[in-house]
C-alpha atoms as a PDB file:
ATOM      1  CA  UNK A   1     -22.813  17.911 -61.404  1.00  0.00           C
ATOM      2  CA  UNK A   2     -25.069  17.305 -64.398  1.00  0.00           C
ATOM      3  CA  UNK A   3     -21.996  16.163 -66.320  1.00  0.00           C
ATOM      4  CA  UNK A   4     -21.159  13.684 -63.564  1.00  0.00           C
ATOM      5  CA  UNK A   5     -24.697  12.278 -63.629  1.00  0.00           C
ATOM      6  CA  UNK A   6     -24.632  11.897 -67.400  1.00  0.00           C
ATOM      7  CA  UNK A   7     -21.225  10.253 -67.226  1.00  0.00           C
ATOM      8  CA  UNK A   8     -22.409   7.705 -64.640  1.00  0.00           C
ATOM      9  CA  UNK A   9     -25.516   7.018 -66.734  1.00  0.00           C
ATOM     10  CA  UNK A  10     -23.393   6.351 -69.807  1.00  0.00           C
ATOM     11  CA  UNK A  11     -21.188   3.985 -67.792  1.00  0.00           C
ATOM     12  CA  UNK A  12     -24.254   2.135 -66.495  1.00  0.00           C
ATOM     13  CA  UNK A  13     -25.679   1.710 -70.006  1.00  0.00           C
ATOM     14  CA  UNK A  14     -22.304   0.577 -71.351  1.00  0.00           C
ATOM     15  CA  UNK A  15     -21.852  -1.911 -68.496  1.00  0.00           C
ATOM     16  CA  UNK A  16     -25.345  -3.341 -68.934  1.00  0.00           C
ATOM     17  CA  UNK A  17     -24.846  -3.641 -72.690  1.00  0.00           C
ATOM     18  CA  UNK A  18     -21.525  -5.437 -72.286  1.00  0.00           C
ATOM     19  CA  UNK A  19     -23.139  -7.790 -69.789  1.00  0.00           C
ATOM     20  CA  UNK A  20     -25.876  -8.667 -72.271  1.00  0.00           C
ATOM     21  CA  UNK A  21     -23.475  -9.282 -75.152  1.00  0.00           C
ATOM     22  CA  UNK A  22     -21.238 -11.396 -72.909  1.00  0.00           C
ATOM     23  CA  UNK A  23     -24.247 -13.476 -71.859  1.00  0.00           C
ATOM     24  CA  UNK A  24     -25.711 -13.896 -75.337  1.00  0.00           C
ATOM     25  CA  UNK A  25     -22.357 -14.830 -76.898  1.00  0.00           C
ATOM     26  CA  UNK A  26     -21.134 -17.167 -74.133  1.00  0.00           C
ATOM     27  CA  UNK A  27     -24.343 -18.990 -73.195  1.00  0.00           C
ATOM     28  CA  UNK A  28     -26.319 -21.482 -75.262  1.00  0.00           C
ATOM     29  CA  UNK A  29     -30.004 -21.513 -74.215  1.00  0.00           C
ATOM     30  CA  UNK A  30     -30.928 -23.798 -77.118  1.00  0.00           C
ATOM     31  CA  UNK A  31     -28.627 -26.534 -75.842  1.00  0.00           C
ATOM     32  CA  UNK A  32     -30.072 -26.097 -72.343  1.00  0.00           C
ATOM     33  CA  UNK A  33     -33.649 -26.511 -73.587  1.00  0.00           C
ATOM     34  CA  UNK A  34     -32.813 -29.422 -75.889  1.00  0.00           C
ATOM     35  CA  UNK A  35     -30.990 -31.206 -73.070  1.00  0.00           C
ATOM     36  CA  UNK A  36     -34.062 -31.407 -70.859  1.00  0.00           C
ATOM     37  CA  UNK A  37     -35.863 -34.670 -70.212  1.00  0.00           C
ATOM     38  CA  UNK A  38     -38.074 -35.523 -71.907  1.00  0.00           C
ATOM     39  CA  UNK A  39     -36.405 -33.951 -74.904  1.00  0.00           C
ATOM     40  CA  UNK A  40     -38.715 -31.328 -76.441  1.00  0.00           C
ATOM     41  CA  UNK A  41     -39.281 -31.140 -80.218  1.00  0.00           C
ATOM     42  CA  UNK A  42     -36.890 -28.886 -82.097  1.00  0.00           C
ATOM     43  CA  UNK A  43     -39.775 -26.743 -83.339  1.00  0.00           C
ATOM     44  CA  UNK A  44     -40.974 -26.217 -79.753  1.00  0.00           C
ATOM     45  CA  UNK A  45     -37.479 -25.136 -78.703  1.00  0.00           C
ATOM     46  CA  UNK A  46     -37.262 -22.655 -81.582  1.00  0.00           C
ATOM     47  CA  UNK A  47     -40.684 -21.243 -80.722  1.00  0.00           C
ATOM     48  CA  UNK A  48     -39.677 -20.910 -77.075  1.00  0.00           C
ATOM     49  CA  UNK A  49     -36.479 -19.035 -77.934  1.00  0.00           C
ATOM     50  CA  UNK A  50     -38.397 -16.739 -80.277  1.00  0.00           C
ATOM     51  CA  UNK A  51     -40.907 -15.889 -77.536  1.00  0.00           C
ATOM     52  CA  UNK A  52     -38.030 -15.032 -75.196  1.00  0.00           C
ATOM     53  CA  UNK A  53     -36.247 -12.874 -77.775  1.00  0.00           C
ATOM     54  CA  UNK A  54     -33.296 -15.241 -77.917  1.00  0.00           C
ATOM     55  CA  UNK A  55     -33.332 -16.111 -81.616  1.00  0.00           C
ATOM     56  CA  UNK A  56     -31.625 -14.324 -84.467  1.00  0.00           C
ATOM     57  CA  UNK A  57     -28.320 -12.424 -84.572  1.00  0.00           C
ATOM     58  CA  UNK A  58     -26.927 -10.885 -81.360  1.00  0.00           C
ATOM     59  CA  UNK A  59     -27.591  -7.301 -82.491  1.00  0.00           C
ATOM     60  CA  UNK A  60     -31.286  -8.003 -82.974  1.00  0.00           C
ATOM     61  CA  UNK A  61     -31.487  -9.811 -79.644  1.00  0.00           C
ATOM     62  CA  UNK A  62     -29.867  -6.833 -77.943  1.00  0.00           C
ATOM     63  CA  UNK A  63     -32.274  -4.374 -79.563  1.00  0.00           C
ATOM     64  CA  UNK A  64     -35.240  -6.439 -78.358  1.00  0.00           C
ATOM     65  CA  UNK A  65     -33.808  -6.735 -74.842  1.00  0.00           C
ATOM     66  CA  UNK A  66     -32.805  -3.048 -74.559  1.00  0.00           C
ATOM     67  CA  UNK A  67     -36.207  -1.817 -75.720  1.00  0.00           C
ATOM     68  CA  UNK A  68     -37.829  -4.020 -73.091  1.00  0.00           C
ATOM     69  CA  UNK A  69     -35.497  -2.825 -70.328  1.00  0.00           C
ATOM     70  CA  UNK A  70     -36.310   0.781 -71.217  1.00  0.00           C
ATOM     71  CA  UNK A  71     -39.969  -0.078 -70.450  1.00  0.00           C
ATOM     72  CA  UNK A  72     -39.039  -1.940 -67.260  1.00  0.00           C
ATOM     73  CA  UNK A  73     -39.457  -5.378 -68.862  1.00  0.00           C
ATOM     74  CA  UNK A  74     -36.460  -7.703 -68.478  1.00  0.00           C
ATOM     75  CA  UNK A  75     -38.137 -10.601 -70.265  1.00  0.00           C
ATOM     76  CA  UNK A  76     -38.579 -14.072 -68.829  1.00  0.00           C
ATOM     77  CA  UNK A  77     -36.314 -16.925 -67.783  1.00  0.00           C
ATOM     78  CA  UNK A  78     -36.095 -20.193 -69.720  1.00  0.00           C
ATOM     79  CA  UNK A  79     -38.753 -21.562 -67.342  1.00  0.00           C
ATOM     80  CA  UNK A  80     -41.132 -18.707 -68.150  1.00  0.00           C
ATOM     81  CA  UNK A  81     -40.718 -16.850 -64.841  1.00  0.00           C
ATOM     82  CA  UNK A  82     -40.806 -13.035 -65.246  1.00  0.00           C
ATOM     83  CA  UNK A  83     -37.275 -11.754 -64.663  1.00  0.00           C
ATOM     84  CA  UNK A  84     -38.359  -8.441 -63.152  1.00  0.00           C
ATOM     85  CA  UNK A  85     -40.178  -9.949 -60.175  1.00  0.00           C
ATOM     86  CA  UNK A  86     -37.356 -12.346 -59.383  1.00  0.00           C
ATOM     87  CA  UNK A  87     -34.822  -9.541 -59.799  1.00  0.00           C
ATOM     88  CA  UNK A  88     -36.587  -7.269 -57.320  1.00  0.00           C
ATOM     89  CA  UNK A  89     -37.069 -10.064 -54.782  1.00  0.00           C
ATOM     90  CA  UNK A  90     -33.461 -11.146 -54.852  1.00  0.00           C
ATOM     91  CA  UNK A  91     -32.104  -7.577 -54.980  1.00  0.00           C
ATOM     92  CA  UNK A  92     -33.510  -6.958 -51.503  1.00  0.00           C
ATOM     93  CA  UNK A  93     -31.692  -9.989 -50.092  1.00  0.00           C
ATOM     94  CA  UNK A  94     -28.414  -8.941 -51.724  1.00  0.00           C
ATOM     95  CA  UNK A  95     -28.839  -5.358 -50.542  1.00  0.00           C
ATOM     96  CA  UNK A  96     -29.130  -6.463 -46.917  1.00  0.00           C
ATOM     97  CA  UNK A  97     -26.004  -8.594 -47.192  1.00  0.00           C
ATOM     98  CA  UNK A  98     -23.936  -5.996 -49.072  1.00  0.00           C
ATOM     99  CA  UNK A  99     -24.974  -3.200 -46.704  1.00  0.00           C
ATOM    100  CA  UNK A 100     -24.048  -5.202 -43.613  1.00  0.00           C
ATOM    101  CA  UNK A 101     -20.780  -6.567 -44.989  1.00  0.00           C
ATOM    102  CA  UNK A 102     -19.711  -3.290 -46.569  1.00  0.00           C
ATOM    103  CA  UNK A 103     -20.466  -1.192 -43.483  1.00  0.00           C
ATOM    104  CA  UNK A 104     -18.630  -3.600 -41.164  1.00  0.00           C
ATOM    105  CA  UNK A 105     -15.693  -3.917 -43.546  1.00  0.00           C
ATOM    106  CA  UNK A 106     -15.199  -0.223 -44.235  1.00  0.00           C
ATOM    107  CA  UNK A 107     -15.625   0.773 -40.588  1.00  0.00           C
ATOM    108  CA  UNK A 108     -13.224  -1.950 -39.485  1.00  0.00           C
ATOM    109  CA  UNK A 109     -10.740  -1.013 -42.206  1.00  0.00           C
ATOM    110  CA  UNK A 110     -10.703   2.645 -41.165  1.00  0.00           C
ATOM    111  CA  UNK A 111     -10.191   1.638 -37.529  1.00  0.00           C
ATOM    112  CA  UNK A 112      -7.395  -0.825 -38.331  1.00  0.00           C
ATOM    113  CA  UNK A 113      -5.721   1.705 -40.620  1.00  0.00           C
ATOM    114  CA  UNK A 114      -5.756   4.279 -37.832  1.00  0.00           C
ATOM    115  CA  UNK A 115      -4.283   1.772 -35.371  1.00  0.00           C
ATOM    116  CA  UNK A 116      -1.504   0.952 -37.826  1.00  0.00           C
ATOM    117  CA  UNK A 117      -0.745   4.618 -38.476  1.00  0.00           C
ATOM    118  CA  UNK A 118      -0.332   5.362 -34.772  1.00  0.00           C
ATOM    119  CA  UNK A 119       2.840   3.251 -34.608  1.00  0.00           C
ATOM    120  CA  UNK A 120       4.053   2.492 -38.152  1.00  0.00           C
ATOM    121  CA  UNK A 121       6.458  -0.437 -38.462  1.00  0.00           C
ATOM    122  CA  UNK A 122       5.611  -1.457 -34.912  1.00  0.00           C
ATOM    123  CA  UNK A 123       4.664  -4.968 -33.824  1.00  0.00           C
ATOM    124  CA  UNK A 124       0.915  -4.324 -34.092  1.00  0.00           C
ATOM    125  CA  UNK A 125       1.319  -2.719 -37.516  1.00  0.00           C
ATOM    126  CA  UNK A 126       3.247  -5.739 -38.790  1.00  0.00           C
ATOM    127  CA  UNK A 127       0.722  -8.159 -37.298  1.00  0.00           C
ATOM    128  CA  UNK A 128      -2.246  -6.379 -38.923  1.00  0.00           C
ATOM    129  CA  UNK A 129      -0.338  -6.174 -42.216  1.00  0.00           C
ATOM    130  CA  UNK A 130       0.297  -9.930 -42.181  1.00  0.00           C
ATOM    131  CA  UNK A 131      -3.339 -10.633 -41.363  1.00  0.00           C
ATOM    132  CA  UNK A 132      -4.537  -8.323 -44.137  1.00  0.00           C
ATOM    133  CA  UNK A 133      -2.254  -9.947 -46.710  1.00  0.00           C
ATOM    134  CA  UNK A 134      -3.396 -13.436 -45.738  1.00  0.00           C
ATOM    135  CA  UNK A 135      -7.041 -12.364 -45.890  1.00  0.00           C
ATOM    136  CA  UNK A 136      -6.683 -10.760 -49.325  1.00  0.00           C
ATOM    137  CA  UNK A 137      -4.882 -13.843 -50.641  1.00  0.00           C
ATOM    138  CA  UNK A 138      -7.603 -16.204 -49.411  1.00  0.00           C
ATOM    139  CA  UNK A 139     -10.565 -16.734 -51.790  1.00  0.00           C
ATOM    140  CA  UNK A 140     -13.993 -15.778 -50.483  1.00  0.00           C
ATOM    141  CA  UNK A 141     -15.288 -19.347 -50.658  1.00  0.00           C
ATOM    142  CA  UNK A 142     -12.357 -20.555 -48.530  1.00  0.00           C
ATOM    143  CA  UNK A 143     -13.067 -17.902 -45.893  1.00  0.00           C
ATOM    144  CA  UNK A 144     -16.727 -18.930 -45.952  1.00  0.00           C
ATOM    145  CA  UNK A 145     -15.922 -22.603 -45.425  1.00  0.00           C
ATOM    146  CA  UNK A 146     -13.483 -21.791 -42.603  1.00  0.00           C
ATOM    147  CA  UNK A 147     -16.076 -19.667 -40.830  1.00  0.00           C
ATOM    148  CA  UNK A 148     -18.725 -22.359 -41.262  1.00  0.00           C
ATOM    149  CA  UNK A 149     -16.359 -24.949 -39.757  1.00  0.00           C
ATOM    150  CA  UNK A 150     -15.558 -22.673 -36.820  1.00  0.00           C
ATOM    151  CA  UNK A 151     -19.245 -21.901 -36.268  1.00  0.00           C
ATOM    152  CA  UNK A 152     -20.126 -25.579 -36.311  1.00  0.00           C
ATOM    153  CA  UNK A 153     -17.459 -26.231 -33.684  1.00  0.00           C
ATOM    154  CA  UNK A 154     -18.856 -23.448 -31.490  1.00  0.00           C
ATOM    155  CA  UNK A 155     -22.382 -24.823 -31.836  1.00  0.00           C
ATOM    156  CA  UNK A 156     -21.168 -28.313 -30.894  1.00  0.00           C
ATOM    157  CA  UNK A 157     -19.154 -27.037 -27.936  1.00  0.00           C
ATOM    158  CA  UNK A 158     -21.975 -24.900 -26.506  1.00  0.00           C
ATOM    159  CA  UNK A 159     -24.745 -27.343 -27.364  1.00  0.00           C
ATOM    160  CA  UNK A 160     -26.854 -24.452 -28.696  1.00  0.00           C
ATOM    161  CA  UNK A 161     -27.418 -23.050 -32.208  1.00  0.00           C
ATOM    162  CA  UNK A 162     -25.321 -19.927 -31.641  1.00  0.00           C
ATOM    163  CA  UNK A 163     -24.587 -19.547 -35.354  1.00  0.00           C
ATOM    164  CA  UNK A 164     -26.671 -20.335 -38.429  1.00  0.00           C
ATOM    165  CA  UNK A 165     -25.357 -20.260 -41.969  1.00  0.00           C
ATOM    166  CA  UNK A 166     -27.914 -21.714 -44.387  1.00  0.00           C
ATOM    167  CA  UNK A 167     -30.383 -19.313 -45.953  1.00  0.00           C
ATOM    168  CA  UNK A 168     -31.700 -16.018 -44.625  1.00  0.00           C
ATOM    169  CA  UNK A 169     -33.851 -17.377 -41.800  1.00  0.00           C
ATOM    170  CA  UNK A 170     -35.134 -20.530 -40.141  1.00  0.00           C
ATOM    171  CA  UNK A 171     -38.800 -21.162 -41.022  1.00  0.00           C
ATOM    172  CA  UNK A 172     -40.994 -21.035 -37.925  1.00  0.00           C
ATOM    173  CA  UNK A 173     -38.193 -19.809 -35.652  1.00  0.00           C
ATOM    174  CA  UNK A 174     -39.135 -17.854 -32.530  1.00  0.00           C
ATOM    175  CA  UNK A 175     -37.857 -14.290 -32.592  1.00  0.00           C
ATOM    176  CA  UNK A 176     -37.578 -13.756 -36.365  1.00  0.00           C
ATOM    177  CA  UNK A 177     -35.413 -10.626 -36.057  1.00  0.00           C
ATOM    178  CA  UNK A 178     -32.790 -12.373 -33.917  1.00  0.00           C
ATOM    179  CA  UNK A 179     -32.905 -15.409 -36.200  1.00  0.00           C
ATOM    180  CA  UNK A 180     -32.281 -13.294 -39.308  1.00  0.00           C
ATOM    181  CA  UNK A 181     -29.385 -11.603 -37.524  1.00  0.00           C
ATOM    182  CA  UNK A 182     -27.810 -14.994 -36.731  1.00  0.00           C
ATOM    183  CA  UNK A 183     -28.098 -16.000 -40.376  1.00  0.00           C
ATOM    184  CA  UNK A 184     -26.660 -12.666 -41.544  1.00  0.00           C
ATOM    185  CA  UNK A 185     -23.625 -12.674 -39.228  1.00  0.00           C
ATOM    186  CA  UNK A 186     -21.381 -15.211 -40.991  1.00  0.00           C
ATOM    187  CA  UNK A 187     -21.864 -14.173 -44.653  1.00  0.00           C
ATOM    188  CA  UNK A 188     -21.543 -10.505 -43.688  1.00  0.00           C
ATOM    189  CA  UNK A 189     -18.317 -11.328 -41.840  1.00  0.00           C
ATOM    190  CA  UNK A 190     -16.882 -13.000 -44.959  1.00  0.00           C
ATOM    191  CA  UNK A 191     -17.503  -9.829 -46.963  1.00  0.00           C
ATOM    192  CA  UNK A 192     -16.301  -7.585 -44.137  1.00  0.00           C
ATOM    193  CA  UNK A 193     -12.961  -9.375 -43.774  1.00  0.00           C
ATOM    194  CA  UNK A 194     -11.958  -8.755 -47.381  1.00  0.00           C
ATOM    195  CA  UNK A 195     -13.136  -5.140 -47.314  1.00  0.00           C
ATOM    196  CA  UNK A 196     -11.416  -4.419 -44.000  1.00  0.00           C
ATOM    197  CA  UNK A 197      -8.118  -5.810 -45.270  1.00  0.00           C
ATOM    198  CA  UNK A 198      -8.098  -3.564 -48.347  1.00  0.00           C
ATOM    199  CA  UNK A 199      -9.442  -0.480 -46.580  1.00  0.00           C
ATOM    200  CA  UNK A 200      -6.889  -0.801 -43.765  1.00  0.00           C
ATOM    201  CA  UNK A 201      -3.966  -0.715 -46.207  1.00  0.00           C
ATOM    202  CA  UNK A 202      -5.340   2.305 -48.050  1.00  0.00           C
ATOM    203  CA  UNK A 203      -6.329   4.155 -44.869  1.00  0.00           C
ATOM    204  CA  UNK A 204      -2.883   3.640 -43.345  1.00  0.00           C
ATOM    205  CA  UNK A 205      -1.214   5.264 -46.349  1.00  0.00           C
ATOM    206  CA  UNK A 206      -3.605   8.211 -46.317  1.00  0.00           C
ATOM    207  CA  UNK A 207      -3.106   8.793 -42.603  1.00  0.00           C
ATOM    208  CA  UNK A 208       0.685   8.648 -42.843  1.00  0.00           C
ATOM    209  CA  UNK A 209       0.608  11.195 -45.675  1.00  0.00           C
ATOM    210  CA  UNK A 210      -1.652  13.434 -43.594  1.00  0.00           C
ATOM    211  CA  UNK A 211       0.541  13.092 -40.495  1.00  0.00           C
ATOM    212  CA  UNK A 212       3.604  14.047 -42.540  1.00  0.00           C
ATOM    213  CA  UNK A 213       1.957  17.184 -43.916  1.00  0.00           C
ATOM    214  CA  UNK A 214       3.317  20.554 -42.829  1.00  0.00           C
ATOM    215  CA  UNK A 215       0.377  21.693 -40.699  1.00  0.00           C
ATOM    216  CA  UNK A 216       0.136  18.450 -38.720  1.00  0.00           C
ATOM    217  CA  UNK A 217       3.886  18.291 -38.158  1.00  0.00           C
ATOM    218  CA  UNK A 218       3.826  21.886 -36.938  1.00  0.00           C
ATOM    219  CA  UNK A 219       1.028  21.004 -34.500  1.00  0.00           C
ATOM    220  CA  UNK A 220       3.021  18.042 -33.176  1.00  0.00           C
ATOM    221  CA  UNK A 221       6.099  20.240 -32.873  1.00  0.00           C
ATOM    222  CA  UNK A 222       4.087  22.464 -30.523  1.00  0.00           C
ATOM    223  CA  UNK A 223       3.450  19.474 -28.249  1.00  0.00           C
ATOM    224  CA  UNK A 224       0.401  17.796 -29.751  1.00  0.00           C
ATOM    225  CA  UNK A 225       0.573  14.028 -29.305  1.00  0.00           C
ATOM    226  CA  UNK A 226       0.677  11.876 -32.429  1.00  0.00           C
ATOM    227  CA  UNK A 227      -2.509  10.037 -31.499  1.00  0.00           C
ATOM    228  CA  UNK A 228      -4.338  13.315 -30.859  1.00  0.00           C
ATOM    229  CA  UNK A 229      -3.105  14.777 -34.143  1.00  0.00           C
ATOM    230  CA  UNK A 230      -4.319  11.682 -35.945  1.00  0.00           C
ATOM    231  CA  UNK A 231      -7.770  11.905 -34.366  1.00  0.00           C
ATOM    232  CA  UNK A 232      -8.270  15.664 -34.685  1.00  0.00           C
ATOM    233  CA  UNK A 233      -6.606  16.431 -38.013  1.00  0.00           C
ATOM    234  CA  UNK A 234      -5.458  13.430 -40.070  1.00  0.00           C
ATOM    235  CA  UNK A 235      -8.693  11.407 -39.929  1.00  0.00           C
ATOM    236  CA  UNK A 236     -10.708  14.408 -41.083  1.00  0.00           C
ATOM    237  CA  UNK A 237      -8.445  14.884 -44.105  1.00  0.00           C
ATOM    238  CA  UNK A 238      -8.756  11.241 -45.202  1.00  0.00           C
ATOM    239  CA  UNK A 239     -12.575  11.048 -45.180  1.00  0.00           C
ATOM    240  CA  UNK A 240     -13.002  12.438 -48.702  1.00  0.00           C
ATOM    241  CA  UNK A 241     -10.488  10.148 -50.474  1.00  0.00           C
ATOM    242  CA  UNK A 242     -11.824   7.146 -48.550  1.00  0.00           C
ATOM    243  CA  UNK A 243     -15.299   7.747 -49.995  1.00  0.00           C
ATOM    244  CA  UNK A 244     -13.813   7.589 -53.490  1.00  0.00           C
ATOM    245  CA  UNK A 245     -11.928   4.402 -52.633  1.00  0.00           C
ATOM    246  CA  UNK A 246     -15.107   2.821 -51.253  1.00  0.00           C
ATOM    247  CA  UNK A 247     -16.904   3.513 -54.537  1.00  0.00           C
ATOM    248  CA  UNK A 248     -14.200   1.853 -56.628  1.00  0.00           C
ATOM    249  CA  UNK A 249     -14.004  -1.028 -54.156  1.00  0.00           C
ATOM    250  CA  UNK A 250     -17.750  -1.649 -54.481  1.00  0.00           C
ATOM    251  CA  UNK A 251     -17.270  -3.780 -57.614  1.00  0.00           C
ATOM    252  CA  UNK A 252     -14.952  -6.117 -55.696  1.00  0.00           C
ATOM    253  CA  UNK A 253     -17.555  -6.285 -52.933  1.00  0.00           C
ATOM    254  CA  UNK A 254     -20.204  -7.409 -55.431  1.00  0.00           C
ATOM    255  CA  UNK A 255     -17.887 -10.113 -56.767  1.00  0.00           C
ATOM    256  CA  UNK A 256     -17.330 -11.491 -53.289  1.00  0.00           C
ATOM    257  CA  UNK A 257     -21.064 -11.316 -52.630  1.00  0.00           C
ATOM    258  CA  UNK A 258     -21.865 -13.697 -55.493  1.00  0.00           C
ATOM    259  CA  UNK A 259     -19.572 -16.408 -54.122  1.00  0.00           C
ATOM    260  CA  UNK A 260     -20.666 -15.811 -50.537  1.00  0.00           C
ATOM    261  CA  UNK A 261     -24.345 -16.080 -51.402  1.00  0.00           C
ATOM    262  CA  UNK A 262     -23.787 -19.375 -53.163  1.00  0.00           C
ATOM    263  CA  UNK A 263     -21.849 -20.891 -50.260  1.00  0.00           C
ATOM    264  CA  UNK A 264     -24.347 -19.743 -47.623  1.00  0.00           C
ATOM    265  CA  UNK A 265     -27.470 -20.479 -49.726  1.00  0.00           C
ATOM    266  CA  UNK A 266     -28.384 -16.812 -49.473  1.00  0.00           C
ATOM    267  CA  UNK A 267     -31.037 -16.320 -52.153  1.00  0.00           C
ATOM    268  CA  UNK A 268     -29.793 -13.070 -53.639  1.00  0.00           C
ATOM    269  CA  UNK A 269     -28.661 -11.855 -57.031  1.00  0.00           C
ATOM    270  CA  UNK A 270     -25.229 -13.459 -56.740  1.00  0.00           C
ATOM    271  CA  UNK A 271     -26.629 -16.940 -56.210  1.00  0.00           C
ATOM    272  CA  UNK A 272     -29.139 -16.368 -59.019  1.00  0.00           C
ATOM    273  CA  UNK A 273     -26.339 -15.219 -61.346  1.00  0.00           C
ATOM    274  CA  UNK A 274     -24.253 -18.342 -60.749  1.00  0.00           C
ATOM    275  CA  UNK A 275     -27.262 -20.647 -61.179  1.00  0.00           C
ATOM    276  CA  UNK A 276     -28.359 -18.800 -64.324  1.00  0.00           C
ATOM    277  CA  UNK A 277     -24.913 -19.086 -65.898  1.00  0.00           C
ATOM    278  CA  UNK A 278     -24.958 -22.819 -65.204  1.00  0.00           C
ATOM    279  CA  UNK A 279     -28.424 -23.031 -66.792  1.00  0.00           C
ATOM    280  CA  UNK A 280     -27.566 -20.900 -69.873  1.00  0.00           C
ATOM    281  CA  UNK A 281     -30.333 -18.439 -68.952  1.00  0.00           C
ATOM    282  CA  UNK A 282     -29.400 -15.335 -70.946  1.00  0.00           C
ATOM    283  CA  UNK A 283     -32.149 -13.002 -69.753  1.00  0.00           C
ATOM    284  CA  UNK A 284     -31.491 -13.720 -66.075  1.00  0.00           C
ATOM    285  CA  UNK A 285     -27.725 -13.257 -66.460  1.00  0.00           C
ATOM    286  CA  UNK A 286     -28.251 -10.017 -68.390  1.00  0.00           C
ATOM    287  CA  UNK A 287     -30.616  -8.726 -65.706  1.00  0.00           C
ATOM    288  CA  UNK A 288     -28.042  -9.417 -62.982  1.00  0.00           C
ATOM    289  CA  UNK A 289     -25.375  -7.643 -65.028  1.00  0.00           C
ATOM    290  CA  UNK A 290     -27.690  -4.687 -65.601  1.00  0.00           C
ATOM    291  CA  UNK A 291     -28.477  -4.453 -61.881  1.00  0.00           C
ATOM    292  CA  UNK A 292     -24.771  -4.586 -60.993  1.00  0.00           C
ATOM    293  CA  UNK A 293     -23.907  -1.895 -63.550  1.00  0.00           C
ATOM    294  CA  UNK A 294     -26.630   0.409 -62.222  1.00  0.00           C
ATOM    295  CA  UNK A 295     -25.597  -0.227 -58.617  1.00  0.00           C
ATOM    296  CA  UNK A 296     -21.934   0.545 -59.323  1.00  0.00           C
ATOM    297  CA  UNK A 297     -22.887   3.727 -61.195  1.00  0.00           C
ATOM    298  CA  UNK A 298     -25.211   4.829 -58.365  1.00  0.00           C
ATOM    299  CA  UNK A 299     -22.575   4.207 -55.693  1.00  0.00           C
ATOM    300  CA  UNK A 300     -20.024   6.104 -57.791  1.00  0.00           C
ATOM    301  CA  UNK A 301     -22.390   9.053 -58.101  1.00  0.00           C
ATOM    302  CA  UNK A 302     -23.041   9.044 -54.347  1.00  0.00           C
ATOM    303  CA  UNK A 303     -19.283   8.978 -53.750  1.00  0.00           C
ATOM    304  CA  UNK A 304     -18.851  11.972 -56.077  1.00  0.00           C
ATOM    305  CA  UNK A 305     -21.530  13.890 -54.202  1.00  0.00           C
ATOM    306  CA  UNK A 306     -19.982  12.991 -50.848  1.00  0.00           C
ATOM    307  CA  UNK A 307     -16.519  14.016 -52.057  1.00  0.00           C
ATOM    308  CA  UNK A 308     -17.823  17.400 -53.197  1.00  0.00           C
ATOM    309  CA  UNK A 309     -19.605  17.934 -49.866  1.00  0.00           C
ATOM    310  CA  UNK A 310     -16.548  16.947 -47.814  1.00  0.00           C
ATOM    311  CA  UNK A 311     -13.816  18.625 -49.869  1.00  0.00           C
ATOM    312  CA  UNK A 312     -14.394  22.278 -50.832  1.00  0.00           C
ATOM    313  CA  UNK A 313     -11.565  22.049 -53.370  1.00  0.00           C
ATOM    314  CA  UNK A 314     -13.684  19.663 -55.482  1.00  0.00           C
ATOM    315  CA  UNK A 315     -16.529  22.159 -55.805  1.00  0.00           C
ATOM    316  CA  UNK A 316     -16.881  24.067 -59.092  1.00  0.00           C
END
């Protein structure tokens, strides 16, 4: 297990480092500062970049940034705002959205996969397959816009604000918990649809393999119904590989989160990342990349631990 932890740590460091080099090579903070109005003096821009650790060759910039991250200091944005405080504030908003969307998507995917495996090649299986393919082929921003349009139609038809889709909450709203839930519903649904579509396809294949195994076929030969065999035996066998799939699918979930946050004005890390790329803010982009790398590594480690706990064959 120690080897697994060290391996995930190395992956997190490598991912964060690649994110920093990608940001520092692709973005131009000097042009962003010089393009402001009124135009600052060139000497002031150079001094500002030096104070942020954004001057000099990329290797020296990386060394300055990495030494700061090791102390918990992610530097400051081009506007002088400490990156760490903004990172922590926005990470909480993204965590709520990812947790809700991921849980709904993975639970729905497992359920749809089980329904499809009950009657493979049946009408319901084909219908769910078509829906999953259409969902996976539709970009996240298109799903978001479609849901917003549908929600607006429902609000107009009922004459009441049933759905809300801008920000995390309505300032001054009565019943803050219910209001936050209304704001969370649509963006979480966008994430859940994509996750459910992918999980359903993978779960169906796992269940069909389990149902075709020797022990399950022998149980059905003795009179056990297919649906009962799926619930008692096949689902239990597929739990461990589904945890591994969920870990690898987490990166795709984060990608969809960035677009979803921007569309729904959800002030999380994804929205901050897109705005920071547009503003050539290297330290903010690097911090988002570092957070994503650490999150993916942590989820992968949790999936490894869950796989070992669920599957005795994976234990040393």
